[in-house]
Structures are given as structure tokens and as C-alpha cells.
Amino acid sequence: MNSVEVENEVNGTAAVANAATTSGATTKPGLLSLLSHSYAVWALCALLCLDLICRIGWQSLDFDHYASPNRSMVWWVVDDYRRQKTQPDVVLMGSSLLMHVLHGGDAEYLKLPQNEVYHHKSLMLEDLLRKRTGVKVNSFAFAIAGTMASDAYAICSTLFAQEKKPKAIIYSIAPRDFIDNTLASPASTDTFRMMSQLGGVKDVEWQARNGLWEKVEYVLEQASSLYKHRNYFVHLQHHYVKPILRLVGYKQTEEVHTPFALRRLSLLEMSEDIGSNERIALPGLAAHYTDNSDEYRRRYQPFKQKEFATQCSYLEKMLSFCDQQGIEVVLVNMPLTADNIKLLTPGAYQLYKQNVTALAKRYHSEFIDMQDTSQFDKSLYCDTAHMTGAGGVKFFKSLADKLTDGSRLAIGKNSSWQ
């Protein structure tokens, strides 16, 4: 190889090296340039930072964990409970069956309208117990439509694990609390969701979700604090909008003044929003019986053994928790019409009573059976399951008799009630 060829080869190699170096130099800045101008990447980074701030701040800062954009009946009750100055002696707990006898009974007994949004105690039961025993008993009522046994456990394990726990719980139960085919899952109720928001039910949060989407949503909530607390940010929006509305003339932002026909349609779509002036129990109302057999037939049939066993397991969890906390529990079997009981699958009512009675005995609780069609005849009902105000008066008079005569609570005789 002559000197000219060597020189050309050396120059060619240098050119290739220079080209490679130049190519590498331009490629690297190009990637950085792409990242620096990618709005999606920056947005994702900002979202992750906000999520981290929310996760840290939710535990360390003074956020109102009770805040909710929707004023459901659950929210009204729980918000009132946290504002109580002292712990109640007796907590009443139950579904719409308790709501009817509680609100209607007090309205009839006192001859005064009762606003269900703010009325969360049985003044009649307190008065009856005081007259029979001389003991002043302070009550609070978690009377919430649709309450299942899983909801009762969620309330107890979340709210009564702290200082403000009652001496006793009177839990009004019925077959629907354990058998309801319209329930998507234990985690789907307003009560369960609010107790989860308050930091409770951690021991059952996964198993309480049945469907695939419910489980996917739960995973997303654990992964993203922003997503988990999304309702709080909607609450903040409402919080700041309301003062603006007041400035332009809307003074009562918690009340509803929509014509009833339109409001009835809106409640079908958003039943969890209740205005502070919407639920009033009036005394002296004439009873108009409504046959709601079709509704309860859908709830009761077919009988699903798995769902029934699941709700029984939640009752067991509740009774076990209360036993450990030293809270007396009285399970009261609510009276139903014979027509309602006939809608159950044959043998289901007997199975329900057997299970409840056995659980009460196992966890040192009391079972009071109020099912008596001779005492609570059909004239005391407004449908196959719910009693009128007059029925409520009769119910609480009978319950007060049982609580002061031979009951485990021994109100007036036990020193802890003095």
C-alpha cells in the first residue's frame, strides 16, 4: 500500500468516527428536547406530585374527613353524632322500619312535627324509661333506610371504637337486613362508603366488594389519593359556590324548594341528596295502606344462601366487636305483617330467627322477638312492613316494658344505669 492510499484510508476512518460522534451528539439532545416539550409527561409528573401532596396532607393536615358534597340521610345522622357533647347511653340502630316508628312515633306521641333530617333520638322511649325507672336515659338513633347487617358492623367498628361509645345498642332487625337481592354488594351502600371515608372497615374493604369494577375501583383508590378523596374536592367546590349563591339572593342553600313532581324525579336519579326541609313526620295523619308486595318479592326471592350467610357473618362481627368493647346489644326482631312474611321463601324466616338467636346467645347479647300480629295488627301499618305513627307509639311502649322487666339491660336496676 503506497503513502497516498494510507492517507486516504486514515482520512476515511476519521470521517466515519466524526460522523458517528456527530450523530450521537445530535441524538441525545433530541431525546431531552422531546421530553422537555412533552406536555403529557409534565402533566403526569404534576399529577404524581399533587397525588403525593394529597396523600401526605390527608393524614397530617386538618381536613374535615366528614365532608361530603351530598347530604344523604347517612351524612345527616353521622354529622349530628359527631357533634354530640356527650356519649349516648343507648344507640338505636336499624333500617327504614326503625325510621317509621322513630319519627312517626315521636310525632304522634308529642303531637309535634319531627324533621327527620335533625331528629336522631327517641324522645318517647327516653320518656317512657324515665317514668318506669326514674333513670334519665340519653338516646341516639342511627335510623337509616336500607341498613344491612354489614352497615351496622361498619357503624359500630368505625364510630364506637373511640371514646364516644354507648352503654348499649338496640338493633332493630328484620329478614330484609340479611336477604335483599337489590343489594349489589356490602360495599355499595352509602353507609359503608362513608364509614370507609372515615377510616373504618379496613378489615373487610376487599371482601365487601363483589363485582370486578368494584375491586378495580378499590385498587385505584389505594394507588391514588386524589382519586380516593375525589368527593372531598367536589365538596370544596360546593363550599365556595354557596357563599356566591347567597350573595345573589339564594339564602337557604341547604333547603330544597323544587316543585314536588320534579323533585320526585330527581330523587330517583340522586336519592343520596336530601334537603334539610324535605323529610317531615307529621302527627295525626290518616293511614293509607299501600301494598308493596312486588318490591319485597324482588328483595326476598330467590333466596340466596351465600348472601344470607355473608350478612350473618357481619352480624357476628358486630356482636363480637361490641362484646369486646363492653357494649350491651339487644337485637329486636321488628314486627311485620303476615303478608310480608309470606313473601319469603318457605323456611327462610325460621332460618333467619335461628341464626340470629344463636349469634345473640354466643356473644352474650339479647334477642327480643316483637313479631306478634295479634298485638300489631294490619291497621298499624302503612304497607306490608312499615308501621304508622300510631304503630310506633305502640311499638316503643311495648319495647320499654320489655327493657325494664327481665331484660339483660335491667335499666333502673343495674347500677351502671344509675
Protein backbone atom coordinates (compact mmCIF):
# COMPACT_ATOMS: atom_id res chain seq x y z
CA MET A 1 0.00 0.00 0.00
CA ASN A 2 1.52 3.35 -1.05
CA SER A 3 1.50 6.54 1.00
CA VAL A 4 -1.46 8.04 -0.87
CA GLU A 5 -3.67 5.00 -0.16
CA VAL A 6 -2.68 5.03 3.51
CA GLU A 7 -3.52 8.68 3.78
CA ASN A 8 -6.95 8.15 2.14
CA GLU A 9 -7.75 5.24 4.46
CA VAL A 10 -6.82 7.26 7.54
CA ASN A 11 -8.91 10.19 6.37
CA GLY A 12 -11.88 7.89 5.68
CA THR A 13 -11.68 6.34 9.14
CA ALA A 14 -11.57 9.76 10.75
CA ALA A 15 -14.57 10.87 8.74
CA VAL A 16 -16.58 7.85 9.87
CA ALA A 17 -15.61 8.48 13.50
CA ASN A 18 -16.55 12.13 13.21
CA ALA A 19 -19.89 11.20 11.67
CA ALA A 20 -20.64 8.75 14.48
CA THR A 21 -19.72 11.33 17.10
CA THR A 22 -21.85 13.96 15.45
CA SER A 23 -24.77 11.53 15.17
CA GLY A 24 -24.58 10.62 18.87
CA ALA A 25 -24.33 14.26 19.86
CA THR A 26 -27.48 15.17 17.99
CA THR A 27 -29.47 12.10 19.13
CA LYS A 28 -29.08 12.68 22.87
CA PRO A 29 -30.20 16.33 22.89
CA GLY A 30 -33.08 15.32 20.64
CA LEU A 31 -34.46 12.93 23.31
CA LEU A 32 -34.11 15.55 26.03
CA SER A 33 -35.80 18.06 23.80
CA LEU A 34 -38.68 15.67 23.24
CA LEU A 35 -39.12 15.14 26.99
CA SER A 36 -38.87 18.84 27.77
CA HIS A 37 -41.59 19.70 25.26
CA SER A 38 -43.92 16.78 26.10
CA TYR A 39 -46.96 18.25 27.83
CA ALA A 40 -48.22 14.76 28.66
CA VAL A 41 -45.05 13.87 30.56
CA TRP A 42 -45.07 17.15 32.51
CA ALA A 43 -48.76 16.77 33.26
CA LEU A 44 -48.14 13.24 34.56
CA CYS A 45 -45.30 14.47 36.76
CA ALA A 46 -47.50 17.27 38.12
CA LEU A 47 -50.31 14.79 38.80
CA LEU A 48 -47.99 12.46 40.68
CA CYS A 49 -46.70 15.38 42.77
CA LEU A 50 -50.23 16.51 43.59
CA ASP A 51 -51.19 12.97 44.49
CA LEU A 52 -48.20 12.70 46.82
CA ILE A 53 -49.09 16.01 48.47
CA CYS A 54 -52.68 14.85 48.90
CA ARG A 55 -51.56 11.52 50.39
CA ILE A 56 -49.28 13.22 52.92
CA GLY A 57 -51.64 16.10 53.66
CA TRP A 58 -54.75 13.97 54.17
CA GLN A 59 -53.24 12.36 57.23
CA SER A 60 -51.24 15.27 58.63
CA LEU A 61 -53.39 18.33 57.87
CA ASP A 62 -56.71 19.28 59.41
CA PHE A 63 -59.03 18.15 56.62
CA ASP A 64 -62.68 17.52 57.50
CA HIS A 65 -62.97 13.78 56.89
CA TYR A 66 -66.75 14.05 57.35
CA ALA A 67 -67.08 16.44 54.42
CA SER A 68 -69.34 15.29 51.59
CA PRO A 69 -70.80 17.00 48.53
CA ASN A 70 -74.03 15.05 49.05
CA ARG A 71 -76.34 15.44 52.05
CA SER A 72 -77.56 11.85 52.33
CA MET A 73 -79.52 10.64 55.35
CA VAL A 74 -76.36 8.82 56.41
CA TRP A 75 -74.42 12.08 56.34
CA TRP A 76 -77.06 13.96 58.35
CA VAL A 77 -77.09 11.27 61.04
CA VAL A 78 -73.31 10.80 61.30
CA ASP A 79 -72.65 14.54 61.25
CA ASP A 80 -75.10 15.00 64.12
CA TYR A 81 -73.49 12.17 66.08
CA ARG A 82 -70.02 13.70 65.92
CA ARG A 83 -71.44 16.99 67.26
CA GLN A 84 -72.92 15.37 70.36
CA LYS A 85 -71.31 16.79 73.51
CA THR A 86 -71.64 13.57 75.49
CA GLN A 87 -71.82 9.91 74.62
CA PRO A 88 -75.33 8.44 74.43
CA ASP A 89 -76.47 5.80 76.89
CA VAL A 90 -78.41 3.91 74.23
CA VAL A 91 -77.93 3.84 70.47
CA LEU A 92 -80.90 2.75 68.39
CA MET A 93 -79.96 1.24 65.06
CA GLY A 94 -82.00 0.00 62.15
CA SER A 95 -83.41 0.46 58.68
CA SER A 96 -86.49 2.28 57.39
CA LEU A 97 -88.58 0.08 59.72
CA LEU A 98 -86.97 1.91 62.64
CA MET A 99 -87.24 5.25 60.82
CA HIS A 100 -91.02 4.94 60.62
CA VAL A 101 -91.58 4.02 64.27
CA LEU A 102 -88.97 6.53 65.46
CA HIS A 103 -90.05 9.66 63.59
CA GLY A 104 -93.74 8.83 63.27
CA GLY A 105 -93.91 7.56 66.84
CA ASP A 106 -92.38 10.72 68.32
CA ALA A 107 -94.59 12.92 66.14
CA GLU A 108 -97.68 11.06 67.34
CA TYR A 109 -96.56 10.83 70.98
CA LEU A 110 -95.55 14.50 71.29
CA LYS A 111 -98.19 15.81 68.86
CA LEU A 112 -95.46 17.78 67.11
CA PRO A 113 -93.94 17.51 63.61
CA GLN A 114 -90.49 15.91 63.54
CA ASN A 115 -87.86 16.88 60.98
CA GLU A 116 -86.23 13.55 60.14
CA VAL A 117 -83.04 15.26 58.98
CA TYR A 118 -82.35 16.56 62.51
CA HIS A 119 -84.39 14.17 64.67
CA HIS A 120 -81.98 11.43 65.78
CA LYS A 121 -83.28 10.15 69.09
CA SER A 122 -86.40 8.59 70.52
CA LEU A 123 -87.87 11.16 72.90
CA MET A 124 -90.76 8.81 73.56
CA LEU A 125 -88.52 5.90 74.63
CA GLU A 126 -86.47 8.21 76.86
CA ASP A 127 -89.66 9.49 78.50
CA LEU A 128 -91.14 6.03 78.95
CA LEU A 129 -87.94 4.66 80.52
CA ARG A 130 -87.70 7.64 82.86
CA LYS A 131 -91.30 7.20 84.01
CA ARG A 132 -90.85 3.46 84.59
CA THR A 133 -87.43 3.54 86.27
CA GLY A 134 -86.66 7.10 87.35
CA VAL A 135 -83.46 6.90 85.28
CA LYS A 136 -82.74 9.53 82.65
CA VAL A 137 -81.53 7.71 79.55
CA ASN A 138 -79.97 9.64 76.67
CA SER A 139 -80.53 8.05 73.27
CA PHE A 140 -79.22 8.49 69.74
CA ALA A 141 -80.69 6.85 66.64
CA PHE A 142 -78.90 5.59 63.54
CA ALA A 143 -82.17 5.04 61.69
CA ILE A 144 -81.11 4.81 58.05
CA ALA A 145 -83.14 3.39 55.18
CA GLY A 146 -81.68 0.24 53.66
CA THR A 147 -79.41 -0.60 56.60
CA MET A 148 -77.96 -4.09 56.26
CA ALA A 149 -76.14 -6.09 58.94
CA SER A 150 -72.91 -5.11 57.14
CA ASP A 151 -73.80 -1.43 57.65
CA ALA A 152 -74.46 -1.99 61.34
CA TYR A 153 -70.99 -3.52 61.69
CA ALA A 154 -69.43 -0.65 59.70
CA ILE A 155 -71.01 1.95 62.01
CA CYS A 156 -70.06 0.17 65.22
CA SER A 157 -66.47 -0.65 64.28
CA THR A 158 -65.85 2.87 62.95
CA LEU A 159 -67.64 5.17 65.39
CA PHE A 160 -67.75 3.18 68.64
CA ALA A 161 -64.09 2.17 68.74
CA GLN A 162 -63.34 5.64 70.09
CA GLU A 163 -64.36 7.40 73.29
CA LYS A 164 -67.93 8.19 72.26
CA LYS A 165 -69.38 4.70 72.58
CA PRO A 166 -72.77 3.88 74.13
CA LYS A 167 -73.55 1.60 77.05
CA ALA A 168 -75.99 -0.34 74.91
CA ILE A 169 -77.15 -0.78 71.31
CA ILE A 170 -80.73 -1.68 70.44
CA TYR A 171 -80.53 -3.01 66.91
CA SER A 172 -83.90 -3.40 65.19
CA ILE A 173 -83.61 -6.17 62.62
CA ALA A 174 -85.79 -7.92 60.05
CA PRO A 175 -85.23 -10.51 57.32
CA ARG A 176 -84.51 -7.82 54.71
CA ASP A 177 -81.36 -6.82 56.66
CA PHE A 178 -79.96 -10.22 55.61
CA ILE A 179 -81.92 -11.04 52.44
CA ASP A 180 -82.00 -8.29 49.79
CA ASN A 181 -81.43 -9.17 46.15
CA THR A 182 -81.36 -5.47 45.19
CA LEU A 183 -78.07 -5.02 47.09
CA ALA A 184 -75.11 -5.01 44.71
CA SER A 185 -72.57 -5.66 47.48
CA PRO A 186 -72.00 -4.74 51.13
CA ALA A 187 -69.58 -2.00 49.99
CA SER A 188 -72.17 -0.38 47.68
CA THR A 189 -74.26 1.31 50.40
CA ASP A 190 -73.96 4.98 51.42
CA THR A 191 -73.31 3.90 55.00
CA PHE A 192 -70.42 1.58 54.13
CA ARG A 193 -68.83 4.16 51.84
CA MET A 194 -68.98 6.88 54.49
CA MET A 195 -67.51 4.64 57.18
CA SER A 196 -64.70 3.78 54.76
CA GLN A 197 -64.16 7.51 54.18
CA LEU A 198 -63.77 7.95 57.94
CA GLY A 199 -61.06 5.30 58.02
CA GLY A 200 -63.13 2.33 59.19
CA VAL A 201 -63.95 -1.15 57.81
CA LYS A 202 -60.36 -1.75 56.74
CA ASP A 203 -60.64 -5.40 57.76
CA VAL A 204 -63.42 -6.08 55.24
CA GLU A 205 -62.90 -3.50 52.48
CA TRP A 206 -61.76 -6.06 49.89
CA GLN A 207 -64.18 -8.89 50.65
CA ALA A 208 -67.12 -6.45 50.81
CA ARG A 209 -66.73 -5.75 47.09
CA ASN A 210 -68.31 -8.30 44.79
CA GLY A 211 -68.02 -7.09 41.20
CA LEU A 212 -64.88 -6.71 39.08
CA TRP A 213 -65.30 -2.96 38.70
CA GLU A 214 -65.76 -2.51 42.46
CA LYS A 215 -62.44 -4.27 43.04
CA VAL A 216 -60.70 -2.32 40.26
CA GLU A 217 -62.01 0.92 41.73
CA TYR A 218 -60.73 -0.09 45.17
CA VAL A 219 -57.25 -0.75 43.74
CA LEU A 220 -57.31 2.67 42.05
CA GLU A 221 -58.30 4.31 45.34
CA GLN A 222 -55.37 2.69 47.10
CA ALA A 223 -52.99 3.73 44.32
CA SER A 224 -54.21 7.33 44.02
CA SER A 225 -55.06 9.52 46.97
CA LEU A 226 -56.59 12.12 44.64
CA TYR A 227 -58.98 9.52 43.25
CA LYS A 228 -59.80 8.12 46.68
CA HIS A 229 -60.70 11.56 48.08
CA ARG A 230 -62.32 12.92 44.92
CA ASN A 231 -65.59 13.62 46.73
CA TYR A 232 -63.76 15.96 49.09
CA PHE A 233 -62.71 18.17 46.19
CA VAL A 234 -66.29 18.26 44.91
CA HIS A 235 -67.28 19.26 48.46
CA LEU A 236 -64.78 22.15 48.31
CA GLN A 237 -66.34 23.30 45.06
CA HIS A 238 -69.80 23.33 46.67
CA HIS A 239 -68.38 25.01 49.79
CA TYR A 240 -67.08 28.00 47.83
CA VAL A 241 -70.03 28.25 45.46
CA LYS A 242 -72.64 28.53 48.25
CA PRO A 243 -71.43 31.93 49.56
CA ILE A 244 -71.62 33.25 46.00
CA LEU A 245 -75.19 31.99 45.72
CA ARG A 246 -76.06 33.74 48.98
CA LEU A 247 -74.65 36.98 47.66
CA VAL A 248 -77.00 36.87 44.67
CA GLY A 249 -80.07 36.17 46.77
CA TYR A 250 -80.23 32.42 47.49
CA LYS A 251 -80.25 32.46 51.29
CA GLN A 252 -81.19 28.84 52.11
CA THR A 253 -78.62 26.74 50.27
CA GLU A 254 -79.34 23.60 52.33
CA GLU A 255 -83.08 23.61 51.61
CA VAL A 256 -84.94 22.38 48.56
CA HIS A 257 -87.77 24.39 47.02
CA THR A 258 -88.27 22.43 43.80
CA PRO A 259 -91.87 21.53 42.86
CA PHE A 260 -92.66 18.08 44.22
CA ALA A 261 -93.23 16.46 40.81
CA LEU A 262 -89.75 17.48 39.61
CA ARG A 263 -88.15 16.64 42.95
CA ARG A 264 -89.60 13.14 42.88
CA LEU A 265 -87.93 12.56 39.50
CA SER A 266 -84.60 13.91 40.73
CA LEU A 267 -84.67 11.66 43.80
CA LEU A 268 -84.93 8.64 41.52
CA GLU A 269 -81.60 9.66 39.96
CA MET A 270 -79.86 11.03 43.09
CA SER A 271 -81.53 9.62 46.17
CA GLU A 272 -78.47 10.39 48.32
CA ASP A 273 -79.15 14.16 48.32
CA ILE A 274 -81.71 15.21 50.94
CA GLY A 275 -82.56 18.82 51.69
CA SER A 276 -82.89 19.96 55.29
CA ASN A 277 -86.61 20.66 54.81
CA GLU A 278 -87.66 17.58 52.85
CA ARG A 279 -88.43 14.87 55.41
CA ILE A 280 -91.08 15.88 57.94
CA ALA A 281 -93.10 13.38 60.02
CA LEU A 282 -96.48 14.81 60.94
CA PRO A 283 -98.80 13.73 63.76
CA GLY A 284 -102.38 12.62 63.25
CA LEU A 285 -102.01 11.50 59.64
CA ALA A 286 -104.67 9.12 58.39
CA ALA A 287 -103.13 5.78 57.43
CA HIS A 288 -103.25 4.94 53.73
CA TYR A 289 -102.19 1.33 53.25
CA THR A 290 -100.01 0.62 50.21
CA ASP A 291 -99.43 -2.92 49.02
CA ASN A 292 -95.68 -3.07 48.33
CA SER A 293 -95.58 -6.85 47.90
CA ASP A 294 -93.90 -6.63 44.48
CA GLU A 295 -90.99 -4.68 45.96
CA TYR A 296 -90.39 -7.17 48.75
CA ARG A 297 -90.87 -10.14 46.45
CA ARG A 298 -87.95 -8.81 44.37
CA ARG A 299 -85.89 -8.38 47.54
CA TYR A 300 -86.67 -11.79 49.03
CA GLN A 301 -86.79 -14.11 46.03
CA PRO A 302 -84.94 -16.16 45.10
CA PHE A 303 -83.37 -16.91 48.45
CA LYS A 304 -79.57 -16.66 48.08
CA GLN A 305 -77.84 -18.71 50.73
CA LYS A 306 -74.41 -17.16 50.11
CA GLU A 307 -75.60 -13.57 50.54
CA PHE A 308 -77.60 -14.53 53.63
CA ALA A 309 -74.55 -16.22 55.17
CA THR A 310 -72.42 -13.16 54.35
CA GLN A 311 -74.77 -10.79 56.18
CA CYS A 312 -74.96 -13.20 59.13
CA SER A 313 -71.16 -13.08 59.29
CA TYR A 314 -71.30 -9.27 59.52
CA LEU A 315 -73.80 -9.50 62.38
CA GLU A 316 -71.38 -11.87 64.09
CA LYS A 317 -68.55 -9.37 63.58
CA MET A 318 -70.69 -6.62 65.08
CA LEU A 319 -71.68 -8.69 68.12
CA SER A 320 -68.09 -9.81 68.66
CA PHE A 321 -66.83 -6.22 68.45
CA CYS A 322 -69.44 -4.96 70.93
CA ASP A 323 -68.69 -7.84 73.29
CA GLN A 324 -65.01 -6.87 73.28
CA GLN A 325 -65.86 -3.20 73.81
CA GLY A 326 -68.20 -3.93 76.70
CA ILE A 327 -71.28 -2.65 74.83
CA GLU A 328 -74.53 -4.46 75.59
CA VAL A 329 -76.51 -5.42 72.47
CA VAL A 330 -80.22 -6.09 72.25
CA LEU A 331 -81.47 -7.47 68.92
CA VAL A 332 -85.12 -6.60 68.38
CA ASN A 333 -86.99 -8.61 65.77
CA MET A 334 -89.23 -6.00 64.14
CA PRO A 335 -92.91 -6.81 63.63
CA LEU A 336 -94.06 -7.40 60.05
CA THR A 337 -97.43 -8.15 58.54
CA ALA A 338 -98.26 -11.77 57.81
CA ASP A 339 -98.46 -10.77 54.11
CA ASN A 340 -94.82 -9.70 54.16
CA ILE A 341 -93.56 -12.87 55.82
CA LYS A 342 -95.44 -14.98 53.26
CA LEU A 343 -93.33 -13.41 50.51
CA LEU A 344 -90.22 -15.12 51.89
CA THR A 345 -89.07 -18.47 50.52
CA PRO A 346 -90.56 -21.21 52.72
CA GLY A 347 -88.32 -21.83 55.70
CA ALA A 348 -86.32 -18.59 55.25
CA TYR A 349 -87.97 -16.76 58.16
CA GLN A 350 -87.33 -19.66 60.54
CA LEU A 351 -83.70 -19.88 59.34
CA TYR A 352 -83.27 -16.14 59.92
CA LYS A 353 -84.57 -16.37 63.50
CA GLN A 354 -82.48 -19.46 64.28
CA ASN A 355 -79.27 -17.82 63.11
CA VAL A 356 -79.91 -14.52 64.89
CA THR A 357 -80.90 -16.24 68.13
CA ALA A 358 -77.80 -18.46 68.07
CA LEU A 359 -75.47 -15.50 67.40
CA ALA A 360 -77.05 -13.45 70.19
CA LYS A 361 -76.52 -16.30 72.64
CA ARG A 362 -72.93 -16.88 71.52
CA TYR A 363 -71.92 -13.25 72.10
CA HIS A 364 -73.82 -12.60 75.34
CA SER A 365 -76.47 -10.45 73.66
CA GLU A 366 -80.24 -10.48 73.99
CA PHE A 367 -82.86 -11.30 71.38
CA ILE A 368 -86.33 -9.77 71.80
CA ASP A 369 -88.95 -11.08 69.39
CA MET A 370 -91.57 -8.40 68.69
CA GLN A 371 -93.22 -10.31 65.85
CA ASP A 372 -96.81 -10.54 67.05
CA THR A 373 -99.60 -10.00 64.53
CA SER A 374 -102.22 -10.10 67.32
CA GLN A 375 -100.59 -7.10 69.03
CA PHE A 376 -99.51 -5.26 65.87
CA ASP A 377 -102.45 -5.75 63.55
CA LYS A 378 -102.67 -4.56 59.96
CA SER A 379 -104.32 -1.26 60.92
CA LEU A 380 -100.97 -0.10 62.39
CA TYR A 381 -99.12 -0.42 59.06
CA CYS A 382 -98.83 1.88 56.06
CA ASP A 383 -97.56 -1.03 53.91
CA THR A 384 -96.59 -4.67 54.43
CA ALA A 385 -93.52 -3.79 56.54
CA HIS A 386 -93.57 -0.19 57.81
CA MET A 387 -95.71 0.99 60.69
CA THR A 388 -97.57 4.27 61.10
CA GLY A 389 -97.03 6.81 63.88
CA ALA A 390 -99.69 5.05 65.95
CA GLY A 391 -97.84 1.79 65.38
CA GLY A 392 -94.64 3.49 66.51
CA VAL A 393 -96.24 4.56 69.80
CA LYS A 394 -97.42 1.03 70.47
CA PHE A 395 -94.05 -0.42 69.48
CA PHE A 396 -92.00 1.75 71.86
CA LYS A 397 -94.42 1.26 74.74
CA SER A 398 -94.05 -2.50 74.34
CA LEU A 399 -90.26 -2.21 73.97
CA ALA A 400 -89.96 -0.03 77.09
CA ASP A 401 -91.88 -2.67 79.06
CA LYS A 402 -89.52 -5.40 77.88
CA LEU A 403 -86.37 -3.36 78.57
CA THR A 404 -87.38 -2.69 82.17
CA ASP A 405 -88.79 -6.11 83.05
CA GLY A 406 -86.49 -9.10 82.76
CA SER A 407 -84.15 -7.64 80.15
CA ARG A 408 -80.39 -8.12 80.32
CA LEU A 409 -80.04 -4.34 80.31
CA ALA A 410 -82.00 -4.11 83.58
CA ILE A 411 -82.45 -0.35 83.15
CA GLY A 412 -83.24 1.11 86.55
CA LYS A 413 -81.98 -1.98 88.41
CA ASN A 414 -78.41 -2.26 87.15
CA SER A 415 -76.06 0.15 88.95
CA SER A 416 -74.39 1.18 85.69
CA TRP A 417 -77.62 2.92 84.64
CA GLN A 418 -77.99 4.98 87.79
